[in-house]
C-alpha cells in the first residue's frame, strides 16, 4: 500500500491554521488527519483529508483562519482555505494569487492574510 505523506508546506499550513484558529475540536482533527489524495492543478492544489472518525465535529460557527503564503517563487503570493463538511475536515485548497504555483514550493513564509 502506497501511503501519501504531507509535504512541508501542507504540514506548516495545517499547524498555522490550528495555532491561529484556537479551537479544541479543530485541533484534535488536525492532530489525527491523514492525506487521502493530492490533486495538482498548476495554479494550486486540492489536498483531500481523512480524519479519525472518533473525533468530535467542529462547530459550524468555527471559521479556520488561513495564512498568506509568500515566496520569491510566486508572482503575487498564494492563499489557502480549509474546508469542512458536516463538521469534519474535508480538503485544504492552496492557490496562487496570479500565475503558477510550483509543485514543490520549498522557500516560503506564512503570515496573516490581512
N, C-alpha and C. Protein backbone atom coordinates (compact mmCIF):
# COMPACT_ATOMS: atom_id res chain seq x y z
N UNK A 1 0.84 -1.18 0.00
CA UNK A 1 0.00 0.00 0.00
C UNK A 1 0.89 1.25 0.00
N UNK A 2 0.60 2.19 -0.90
CA UNK A 2 1.37 3.42 -1.02
C UNK A 2 0.72 4.51 -0.17
N UNK A 3 1.39 4.90 0.93
CA UNK A 3 0.87 5.92 1.83
C UNK A 3 1.38 7.28 1.37
N UNK A 4 0.47 8.22 1.18
CA UNK A 4 0.82 9.57 0.77
C UNK A 4 1.13 10.38 2.02
N UNK A 5 2.23 11.11 1.99
CA UNK A 5 2.65 11.93 3.13
C UNK A 5 2.40 13.41 2.83
N UNK A 6 2.11 14.18 3.86
CA UNK A 6 2.02 15.63 3.71
C UNK A 6 3.41 16.17 3.39
N UNK A 7 3.48 17.17 2.51
CA UNK A 7 4.76 17.82 2.27
C UNK A 7 4.95 18.94 3.31
N UNK A 8 6.09 19.60 3.28
CA UNK A 8 6.42 20.61 4.28
C UNK A 8 5.41 21.76 4.28
N UNK A 9 5.02 22.24 3.10
CA UNK A 9 4.05 23.33 3.00
C UNK A 9 2.73 22.93 3.63
N UNK A 10 2.23 21.77 3.31
CA UNK A 10 0.94 21.31 3.85
C UNK A 10 0.98 21.17 5.37
N UNK A 11 2.06 20.58 5.88
CA UNK A 11 2.22 20.43 7.33
C UNK A 11 2.23 21.79 8.03
N UNK A 12 3.01 22.72 7.49
CA UNK A 12 3.12 24.04 8.11
C UNK A 12 1.80 24.81 8.01
N UNK A 13 1.06 24.66 6.91
CA UNK A 13 -0.23 25.33 6.78
C UNK A 13 -1.21 24.81 7.83
N UNK A 14 -1.30 23.49 7.97
CA UNK A 14 -2.22 22.92 8.96
C UNK A 14 -1.85 23.36 10.37
N UNK A 15 -0.56 23.37 10.68
CA UNK A 15 -0.12 23.81 12.01
C UNK A 15 -0.46 25.29 12.22
N UNK A 16 -0.22 26.13 11.21
CA UNK A 16 -0.51 27.56 11.32
C UNK A 16 -2.01 27.79 11.54
N UNK A 17 -2.84 27.10 10.76
CA UNK A 17 -4.29 27.23 10.90
C UNK A 17 -4.73 26.81 12.30
N UNK A 18 -4.19 25.70 12.78
CA UNK A 18 -4.52 25.22 14.13
C UNK A 18 -4.12 26.26 15.17
N UNK A 19 -2.91 26.78 15.09
CA UNK A 19 -2.41 27.74 16.07
C UNK A 19 -3.18 29.06 16.07
N UNK A 20 -3.67 29.47 14.91
CA UNK A 20 -4.34 30.77 14.80
C UNK A 20 -5.85 30.70 14.94
N UNK A 21 -6.43 29.52 14.80
CA UNK A 21 -7.88 29.38 14.95
C UNK A 21 -8.24 29.06 16.39
N UNK A 22 -7.39 28.32 17.08
CA UNK A 22 -7.55 28.03 18.51
C UNK A 22 -8.92 27.45 18.87
N UNK A 23 -9.27 26.35 18.23
CA UNK A 23 -10.49 25.63 18.58
C UNK A 23 -10.12 24.19 18.93
N UNK A 24 -10.50 23.69 20.10
CA UNK A 24 -10.07 22.34 20.51
C UNK A 24 -10.57 21.22 19.59
N UNK A 25 -11.74 21.37 19.01
CA UNK A 25 -12.27 20.33 18.12
C UNK A 25 -11.50 20.31 16.80
N UNK A 26 -11.21 21.50 16.27
CA UNK A 26 -10.40 21.60 15.05
C UNK A 26 -8.99 21.08 15.33
N UNK A 27 -8.42 21.43 16.46
CA UNK A 27 -7.08 20.95 16.83
C UNK A 27 -7.01 19.44 16.86
N UNK A 28 -7.98 18.81 17.47
CA UNK A 28 -8.00 17.34 17.56
C UNK A 28 -8.07 16.71 16.18
N UNK A 29 -8.89 17.29 15.31
CA UNK A 29 -8.98 16.75 13.94
C UNK A 29 -7.67 16.93 13.19
N UNK A 30 -7.05 18.10 13.32
CA UNK A 30 -5.77 18.33 12.64
C UNK A 30 -4.70 17.37 13.15
N UNK A 31 -4.70 17.07 14.45
CA UNK A 31 -3.74 16.11 15.02
C UNK A 31 -3.92 14.72 14.43
N UNK A 32 -5.15 14.36 14.09
CA UNK A 32 -5.42 12.99 13.63
C UNK A 32 -5.48 12.86 12.11
N UNK A 33 -5.34 13.97 11.39
CA UNK A 33 -5.59 13.96 9.95
C UNK A 33 -4.51 13.21 9.18
N UNK A 34 -4.94 12.58 8.10
CA UNK A 34 -4.01 11.98 7.15
C UNK A 34 -4.42 12.40 5.75
N UNK A 35 -3.50 12.25 4.82
CA UNK A 35 -3.73 12.69 3.46
C UNK A 35 -4.36 11.58 2.64
N UNK A 36 -5.51 11.88 2.08
CA UNK A 36 -6.21 10.91 1.22
C UNK A 36 -5.73 11.02 -0.23
N UNK A 37 -5.67 12.27 -0.74
CA UNK A 37 -5.33 12.48 -2.15
C UNK A 37 -4.88 13.92 -2.35
N UNK A 38 -3.96 14.11 -3.28
CA UNK A 38 -3.47 15.45 -3.63
C UNK A 38 -3.67 15.63 -5.14
N UNK A 39 -4.43 16.66 -5.51
CA UNK A 39 -4.62 16.98 -6.92
C UNK A 39 -3.91 18.30 -7.22
N UNK A 40 -2.99 18.26 -8.16
CA UNK A 40 -2.22 19.45 -8.56
C UNK A 40 -2.83 20.02 -9.82
N UNK A 41 -3.06 21.35 -9.84
CA UNK A 41 -3.72 21.98 -10.99
C UNK A 41 -2.83 22.98 -11.73
N UNK A 42 -1.56 23.09 -11.37
CA UNK A 42 -0.58 24.05 -11.88
C UNK A 42 -0.76 25.44 -11.28
N UNK A 43 -1.96 25.80 -10.88
CA UNK A 43 -2.17 27.06 -10.16
C UNK A 43 -2.43 26.80 -8.69
N UNK A 44 -2.40 25.54 -8.28
CA UNK A 44 -2.63 25.20 -6.89
C UNK A 44 -2.85 23.71 -6.67
N UNK A 45 -3.38 23.42 -5.48
CA UNK A 45 -3.60 22.04 -5.05
C UNK A 45 -4.95 21.92 -4.37
N UNK A 46 -5.52 20.74 -4.46
CA UNK A 46 -6.62 20.31 -3.60
C UNK A 46 -6.08 19.13 -2.82
N UNK A 47 -6.02 19.28 -1.49
CA UNK A 47 -5.48 18.26 -0.59
C UNK A 47 -6.66 17.64 0.16
N UNK A 48 -7.09 16.45 -0.23
CA UNK A 48 -8.24 15.79 0.41
C UNK A 48 -7.77 15.05 1.66
N UNK A 49 -8.57 15.16 2.72
CA UNK A 49 -8.15 14.73 4.05
C UNK A 49 -9.02 13.61 4.61
N UNK A 50 -8.40 12.75 5.41
CA UNK A 50 -9.08 11.74 6.22
C UNK A 50 -8.93 12.13 7.68
N UNK A 51 -10.02 12.04 8.42
CA UNK A 51 -10.00 12.37 9.85
C UNK A 51 -10.44 11.14 10.63
N UNK A 52 -9.83 10.93 11.78
CA UNK A 52 -10.22 9.84 12.67
C UNK A 52 -11.70 9.99 13.00
N UNK A 53 -12.47 8.96 12.77
CA UNK A 53 -13.93 9.02 12.97
C UNK A 53 -14.31 9.22 14.45
N UNK A 54 -13.37 9.01 15.37
CA UNK A 54 -13.65 9.22 16.79
C UNK A 54 -13.60 10.70 17.18
N UNK A 55 -13.12 11.55 16.28
CA UNK A 55 -13.02 12.98 16.58
C UNK A 55 -14.40 13.63 16.55
N UNK A 56 -14.64 14.49 17.53
CA UNK A 56 -15.89 15.24 17.59
C UNK A 56 -15.95 16.23 16.43
N UNK A 57 -17.15 16.58 16.03
CA UNK A 57 -17.35 17.55 14.95
C UNK A 57 -16.93 18.95 15.39
N UNK A 58 -16.43 19.70 14.43
CA UNK A 58 -16.10 21.10 14.65
C UNK A 58 -17.40 21.89 14.56
N UNK A 59 -17.71 22.74 15.53
CA UNK A 59 -18.96 23.52 15.47
C UNK A 59 -19.04 24.36 14.20
N UNK A 60 -20.25 24.53 13.69
CA UNK A 60 -20.47 25.23 12.43
C UNK A 60 -20.00 26.68 12.46
N UNK A 61 -19.93 27.30 13.64
CA UNK A 61 -19.53 28.70 13.72
C UNK A 61 -18.02 28.90 13.70
N UNK A 62 -17.24 27.82 13.68
CA UNK A 62 -15.78 27.92 13.65
C UNK A 62 -15.33 28.12 12.20
N UNK A 63 -14.63 29.23 11.96
CA UNK A 63 -14.09 29.53 10.64
C UNK A 63 -12.57 29.44 10.71
N UNK A 64 -11.95 28.45 10.06
CA UNK A 64 -10.50 28.35 10.09
C UNK A 64 -9.84 29.63 9.57
N UNK A 65 -8.83 30.10 10.30
CA UNK A 65 -8.08 31.29 9.91
C UNK A 65 -6.87 30.81 9.11
N UNK A 66 -6.79 31.25 7.86
CA UNK A 66 -5.77 30.75 6.94
C UNK A 66 -4.76 31.84 6.59
N UNK A 67 -3.49 31.46 6.40
CA UNK A 67 -2.44 32.45 6.13
C UNK A 67 -2.26 32.77 4.65
N UNK A 68 -1.47 33.80 4.43
CA UNK A 68 -0.95 34.14 3.12
C UNK A 68 0.41 33.45 3.00
N UNK A 69 0.71 32.94 1.83
CA UNK A 69 1.99 32.27 1.57
C UNK A 69 2.83 33.21 0.71
N UNK A 70 3.99 33.62 1.22
CA UNK A 70 4.90 34.49 0.48
C UNK A 70 6.12 33.69 0.07
N UNK A 71 6.59 33.93 -1.17
CA UNK A 71 7.77 33.24 -1.67
C UNK A 71 8.30 33.98 -2.89
N UNK A 72 9.62 33.95 -3.07
CA UNK A 72 10.23 34.51 -4.27
C UNK A 72 9.80 33.73 -5.51
N UNK A 73 9.32 32.51 -5.32
CA UNK A 73 8.92 31.66 -6.44
C UNK A 73 7.51 31.97 -6.94
N UNK A 74 6.81 32.88 -6.23
CA UNK A 74 5.42 33.19 -6.57
C UNK A 74 5.29 34.62 -7.05
N UNK A 75 4.47 34.83 -8.06
CA UNK A 75 4.25 36.16 -8.63
C UNK A 75 3.64 37.12 -7.61
N UNK A 76 2.56 36.70 -6.96
CA UNK A 76 1.84 37.57 -6.01
C UNK A 76 1.42 36.79 -4.77
N UNK A 77 2.24 35.85 -4.35
CA UNK A 77 1.90 35.05 -3.18
C UNK A 77 0.87 33.99 -3.49
N UNK A 78 0.44 33.33 -2.45
CA UNK A 78 -0.58 32.28 -2.56
C UNK A 78 -1.44 32.32 -1.31
N UNK A 79 -2.60 31.75 -1.40
CA UNK A 79 -3.51 31.66 -0.27
C UNK A 79 -3.96 30.23 -0.08
N UNK A 80 -4.75 30.02 0.94
CA UNK A 80 -5.31 28.69 1.18
C UNK A 80 -6.64 28.82 1.90
N UNK A 81 -7.42 27.79 1.81
CA UNK A 81 -8.69 27.67 2.54
C UNK A 81 -8.81 26.24 3.02
N UNK A 82 -9.25 26.08 4.26
CA UNK A 82 -9.50 24.76 4.83
C UNK A 82 -11.01 24.57 4.88
N UNK A 83 -11.50 23.57 4.19
CA UNK A 83 -12.94 23.32 4.09
C UNK A 83 -13.36 22.14 4.96
N UNK A 84 -14.50 22.29 5.61
CA UNK A 84 -15.08 21.23 6.42
C UNK A 84 -16.41 20.81 5.80
N UNK A 85 -16.76 19.57 6.01
CA UNK A 85 -18.06 19.04 5.57
C UNK A 85 -18.69 18.35 6.77
N UNK A 86 -19.84 18.85 7.17
CA UNK A 86 -20.57 18.29 8.32
C UNK A 86 -19.67 18.19 9.56
N UNK A 87 -18.88 19.24 9.79
CA UNK A 87 -18.05 19.30 10.99
C UNK A 87 -16.74 18.52 10.93
N UNK A 88 -16.42 17.94 9.77
CA UNK A 88 -15.19 17.16 9.61
C UNK A 88 -14.31 17.81 8.55
N UNK A 89 -12.99 17.81 8.77
CA UNK A 89 -12.08 18.32 7.75
C UNK A 89 -12.32 17.58 6.45
N UNK A 90 -12.41 18.33 5.36
CA UNK A 90 -12.68 17.72 4.06
C UNK A 90 -11.50 17.91 3.10
N UNK A 91 -11.12 19.17 2.84
CA UNK A 91 -9.95 19.40 2.00
C UNK A 91 -9.33 20.76 2.28
N UNK A 92 -8.04 20.85 1.92
CA UNK A 92 -7.27 22.08 2.00
C UNK A 92 -6.99 22.50 0.57
N UNK A 93 -7.39 23.71 0.23
CA UNK A 93 -7.10 24.26 -1.09
C UNK A 93 -5.95 25.25 -0.95
N UNK A 94 -4.95 25.11 -1.81
CA UNK A 94 -3.81 26.02 -1.86
C UNK A 94 -3.80 26.59 -3.27
N UNK A 95 -3.77 27.93 -3.41
CA UNK A 95 -3.91 28.53 -4.74
C UNK A 95 -2.98 29.74 -4.90
N UNK A 96 -2.44 29.87 -6.11
CA UNK A 96 -1.62 31.03 -6.45
C UNK A 96 -2.54 32.23 -6.61
N UNK A 97 -2.06 33.39 -6.20
CA UNK A 97 -2.82 34.62 -6.37
C UNK A 97 -2.37 35.31 -7.66
N UNK A 98 -2.37 34.58 -8.70
CA UNK A 98 -1.94 35.08 -10.01
C UNK A 98 -0.79 34.24 -10.50
N UNK A 99 -1.00 33.56 -11.58
CA UNK A 99 0.09 32.79 -12.17
C UNK A 99 0.18 31.37 -11.68
N UNK A 100 1.38 30.89 -11.68
CA UNK A 100 1.74 29.49 -11.49
C UNK A 100 2.15 29.22 -10.04
N UNK A 101 1.79 28.06 -9.52
CA UNK A 101 2.24 27.62 -8.19
C UNK A 101 3.13 26.39 -8.40
N UNK A 102 4.43 26.48 -8.07
CA UNK A 102 5.31 25.32 -8.26
C UNK A 102 4.80 24.09 -7.50
N UNK A 103 5.02 22.94 -8.08
CA UNK A 103 4.56 21.70 -7.45
C UNK A 103 5.31 21.43 -6.15
N UNK A 104 6.55 21.88 -6.06
CA UNK A 104 7.35 21.68 -4.84
C UNK A 104 7.86 23.02 -4.34
N UNK A 105 7.00 23.80 -3.72
CA UNK A 105 7.38 25.09 -3.16
C UNK A 105 8.16 24.85 -1.87
N UNK A 106 9.43 25.26 -1.86
CA UNK A 106 10.29 24.96 -0.72
C UNK A 106 10.61 26.17 0.14
N UNK A 107 10.80 27.32 -0.45
CA UNK A 107 11.18 28.53 0.29
C UNK A 107 9.97 29.44 0.39
N UNK A 108 9.39 29.50 1.58
CA UNK A 108 8.17 30.28 1.77
C UNK A 108 8.06 30.74 3.21
N UNK A 109 7.22 31.74 3.42
CA UNK A 109 6.88 32.22 4.75
C UNK A 109 5.36 32.30 4.83
N UNK A 110 4.82 32.05 6.01
CA UNK A 110 3.40 32.17 6.25
C UNK A 110 3.17 33.42 7.10
N UNK A 111 2.14 34.17 6.75
CA UNK A 111 1.83 35.38 7.50
C UNK A 111 0.33 35.62 7.47
N UNK A 112 -0.18 36.41 8.40
CA UNK A 112 -1.62 36.69 8.40
C UNK A 112 -2.05 37.30 7.06
N UNK A 113 -3.20 36.90 6.60
CA UNK A 113 -3.77 37.39 5.34
C UNK A 113 -4.71 38.55 5.67
N UNK A 114 -4.14 39.75 5.68
CA UNK A 114 -4.95 40.92 6.04
C UNK A 114 -5.16 41.84 4.86
